[in-house]
Protein backbone atom coordinates (compact mmCIF):
# COMPACT_ATOMS: atom_id res chain seq x y z
CA UNK A 1 -0.62 13.02 50.57
CA UNK A 2 1.58 15.91 49.52
CA UNK A 3 0.33 16.41 45.93
CA UNK A 4 2.88 19.11 45.06
CA UNK A 5 5.74 16.86 46.13
CA UNK A 6 4.29 13.95 44.14
CA UNK A 7 4.03 16.13 41.02
CA UNK A 8 7.53 17.62 41.46
CA UNK A 9 9.04 14.15 41.93
CA UNK A 10 8.63 13.32 38.19
CA UNK A 11 6.04 10.61 38.68
CA UNK A 12 3.65 12.17 36.17
CA UNK A 13 6.26 12.53 33.45
CA UNK A 14 7.30 8.92 34.00
CA UNK A 15 3.64 7.86 33.67
CA UNK A 16 3.53 9.44 30.19
CA UNK A 17 6.26 7.01 29.08
CA UNK A 18 5.37 3.97 31.22
CA UNK A 19 1.72 3.47 32.13
CA UNK A 20 1.19 3.44 35.90
CA UNK A 21 -2.09 2.32 37.54
CA UNK A 22 -1.36 4.42 40.65
CA UNK A 23 -1.15 7.62 38.60
CA UNK A 24 -4.41 6.75 36.83
CA UNK A 25 -6.18 6.40 40.19
CA UNK A 26 -4.65 9.60 41.54
CA UNK A 27 -5.64 11.47 38.39
CA UNK A 28 -9.27 10.60 39.01
CA UNK A 29 -9.04 11.65 42.65
CA UNK A 30 -6.97 14.85 42.50
CA UNK A 31 -7.84 17.59 39.97
CA UNK A 32 -4.35 19.06 40.39
CA UNK A 33 -2.76 15.85 39.13
CA UNK A 34 -5.21 15.63 36.24
CA UNK A 35 -4.47 19.25 35.26
CA UNK A 36 -0.70 18.70 35.48
CA UNK A 37 -0.91 15.47 33.41
CA UNK A 38 -2.96 17.27 30.75
CA UNK A 39 -0.25 19.95 30.53
CA UNK A 40 2.57 17.37 30.34
CA UNK A 41 0.76 15.41 27.61
CA UNK A 42 0.16 18.59 25.61
CA UNK A 43 3.82 19.61 25.95
CA UNK A 44 5.02 16.16 24.83
CA UNK A 45 2.68 16.26 21.84
CA UNK A 46 3.97 19.72 20.83
CA UNK A 47 7.56 18.50 21.21
CA UNK A 48 6.86 15.43 19.07
CA UNK A 49 5.30 17.58 16.34
CA UNK A 50 8.20 20.04 16.36
CA UNK A 51 10.75 17.23 15.97
CA UNK A 52 8.73 15.10 13.55
CA UNK A 53 10.42 14.05 10.33
CA UNK A 54 8.26 13.96 7.24
CA UNK A 55 8.82 10.56 5.60
CA UNK A 56 9.48 10.14 1.90
CA UNK A 57 6.29 9.45 -0.10
CA UNK A 58 7.60 6.01 -1.09
CA UNK A 59 7.51 4.91 2.54
CA UNK A 60 3.71 4.69 2.47
CA UNK A 61 3.91 2.32 -0.51
CA UNK A 62 6.48 0.14 1.25
CA UNK A 63 4.39 -0.03 4.41
CA UNK A 64 1.26 -0.84 2.42
CA UNK A 65 3.11 -3.57 0.57
CA UNK A 66 4.25 -5.08 3.87
CA UNK A 67 0.63 -5.13 4.99
CA UNK A 68 -0.42 -6.96 1.83
CA UNK A 69 0.31 -10.37 3.31
CA UNK A 70 -3.44 -10.89 3.26
CA UNK A 71 -5.13 -9.14 0.37
CA UNK A 72 -8.86 -8.60 0.66
CA UNK A 73 -10.59 -8.62 -2.73
CA UNK A 74 -13.32 -6.40 -1.27
CA UNK A 75 -10.78 -3.67 -0.46
CA UNK A 76 -7.85 -3.95 -2.85
CA UNK A 77 -4.79 -1.74 -2.50
CA UNK A 78 -3.30 -0.17 -5.63
CA UNK A 79 -0.45 -2.22 -7.06
CA UNK A 80 3.02 -0.74 -6.99
CA UNK A 81 6.63 -1.83 -7.32
CA UNK A 82 6.48 -2.72 -3.61
CA UNK A 83 3.49 -5.07 -3.96
CA UNK A 84 3.88 -8.70 -2.97
CA UNK A 85 3.05 -10.77 -6.04
CA UNK A 86 2.68 -14.00 -4.05
CA UNK A 87 0.00 -12.42 -1.85
CA UNK A 88 -1.81 -11.13 -4.92
CA UNK A 89 -1.57 -14.50 -6.67
CA UNK A 90 -2.97 -16.23 -3.59
CA UNK A 91 -5.84 -13.71 -3.40
CA UNK A 92 -6.92 -14.30 -7.02
CA UNK A 93 -6.09 -18.01 -7.40
CA UNK A 94 -9.75 -19.01 -7.09
CA UNK A 95 -10.54 -16.78 -10.11
CA UNK A 96 -7.92 -18.33 -12.39
CA UNK A 97 -9.45 -20.89 -14.77
CA UNK A 98 -7.98 -24.37 -14.96
CA UNK A 99 -5.48 -24.96 -17.75
CA UNK A 100 -5.58 -24.91 -20.71
CA UNK A 101 -6.45 -21.23 -20.72
CA UNK A 102 -8.28 -19.54 -23.49
CA UNK A 103 -6.10 -17.09 -25.40
CA UNK A 104 -7.41 -14.23 -23.28
CA UNK A 105 -9.24 -14.08 -19.94
CA UNK A 106 -10.15 -10.96 -17.95
CA UNK A 107 -11.94 -10.57 -14.62
CA UNK A 108 -12.62 -7.09 -13.21
CA UNK A 109 -11.57 -7.08 -9.56
CA UNK A 110 -12.37 -3.48 -8.69
CA UNK A 111 -13.67 -0.44 -10.51
CA UNK A 112 -14.63 2.96 -9.15
CA UNK A 113 -14.09 6.65 -10.00
CA UNK A 114 -10.37 6.47 -9.20
CA UNK A 115 -9.13 3.02 -10.15
CA UNK A 116 -9.89 -0.12 -12.13
CA UNK A 117 -8.04 -3.36 -11.46
CA UNK A 118 -8.44 -6.37 -13.71
CA UNK A 119 -7.01 -9.86 -13.46
CA UNK A 120 -5.71 -10.68 -16.94
CA UNK A 121 -4.49 -14.04 -18.24
CA UNK A 122 -3.25 -13.86 -21.79
CA UNK A 123 -1.32 -15.76 -24.44
CA UNK A 124 -1.78 -12.87 -26.86
CA UNK A 125 0.60 -10.01 -27.55
CA UNK A 126 -0.80 -6.52 -27.09
CA UNK A 127 -0.29 -4.34 -30.17
CA UNK A 128 1.00 -0.80 -29.83
CA UNK A 129 -1.37 1.56 -28.07
CA UNK A 130 -1.32 4.90 -26.28
CA UNK A 131 -3.45 6.28 -23.43
CA UNK A 132 -4.35 9.95 -23.28
CA UNK A 133 -6.55 10.03 -20.17
CA UNK A 134 -5.87 6.84 -18.19
CA UNK A 135 -2.70 6.00 -16.29
CA UNK A 136 -1.94 2.32 -16.90
CA UNK A 137 0.30 -0.13 -15.07
CA UNK A 138 0.99 -3.84 -15.10
CA UNK A 139 1.83 -6.06 -12.16
CA UNK A 140 3.04 -9.48 -13.27
CA UNK A 141 1.95 -12.43 -11.12
CA UNK A 142 3.18 -15.27 -13.35
CA UNK A 143 5.03 -15.58 -16.63
CA UNK A 144 7.32 -13.31 -18.63
CA UNK A 145 6.67 -10.55 -21.13
CA UNK A 146 8.58 -7.80 -22.88
CA UNK A 147 7.12 -4.30 -22.89
CA UNK A 148 8.27 -1.60 -25.24
CA UNK A 149 7.45 1.80 -23.73
CA UNK A 150 8.45 4.65 -25.99
CA UNK A 151 12.04 3.77 -26.90
CA UNK A 152 12.70 1.69 -23.76
CA UNK A 153 12.35 -2.09 -23.51
CA UNK A 154 11.47 -3.83 -20.23
CA UNK A 155 11.44 -7.56 -19.52
CA UNK A 156 8.90 -8.28 -16.80
CA UNK A 157 8.71 -11.40 -14.64
CA UNK A 158 6.61 -12.40 -11.63
CA UNK A 159 6.73 -9.58 -9.07
CA UNK A 160 7.62 -6.84 -11.57
CA UNK A 161 5.52 -3.69 -11.81
CA UNK A 162 5.60 -1.22 -14.69
CA UNK A 163 3.91 2.17 -14.94
CA UNK A 164 3.11 3.36 -18.45
CA UNK A 165 3.34 7.16 -18.76
CA UNK A 166 0.43 9.00 -20.36
CA UNK A 167 0.79 9.82 -24.06
CA UNK A 168 3.46 7.12 -24.51
CA UNK A 169 3.19 4.41 -27.14
CA UNK A 170 3.65 0.93 -25.71
CA UNK A 171 3.17 -2.72 -26.63
CA UNK A 172 3.56 -6.09 -24.95
CA UNK A 173 5.05 -9.34 -26.24
CA UNK A 174 4.25 -12.50 -24.28
CA UNK A 175 7.49 -14.49 -23.86
CA UNK A 176 6.18 -17.40 -21.76
CA UNK A 177 3.25 -19.67 -22.65
CA UNK A 178 0.98 -17.18 -20.87
CA UNK A 179 1.09 -14.24 -18.44
CA UNK A 180 -1.06 -13.65 -15.38
CA UNK A 181 -1.12 -9.98 -14.40
CA UNK A 182 -3.05 -7.25 -12.67
CA UNK A 183 -3.88 -4.53 -15.19
CA UNK A 184 -4.44 -1.28 -13.32
CA UNK A 185 -5.99 1.89 -14.70
CA UNK A 186 -6.00 5.03 -12.60
CA UNK A 187 -8.28 7.86 -13.61
CA UNK A 188 -7.36 11.53 -13.30
């Protein structure tokens, strides 16, 4: 076999784009082919890095939301505006008490040094409050509420997510018979 001719024919480059069993066998047999393939792979990796586009930070959230079709309560993702409320509702449905609900129910889902997530079911309005050290957000799974955040008013329905900025007064009015939500606190 003329190894130099085989290498110069483009077979190794083609193998890098379309796996080829013959090239794998030849790589194990001929050190020259192995060395040439290593160089081609390194060159392609350098080319890919030089042409790589850095995605917008929001893309990670959108990808994570798409992966949320099956939410694992033992490894919960942070909620965001891209979260799938139906997947979340399905994941926590076994924790939701049968109707009629008490006025307020809370079940901690996750708590660590970075985040706390709590399933909340409430018929009660939340009076004005402000957080100085904890970033708070709400992800509505069922029901409707109106949140006043500073001077802005937001009506939230199932699937809506709202971040509350630090040092901002806010309150919540329950507009439906009850609201089921994920209350999320992120610690600095």
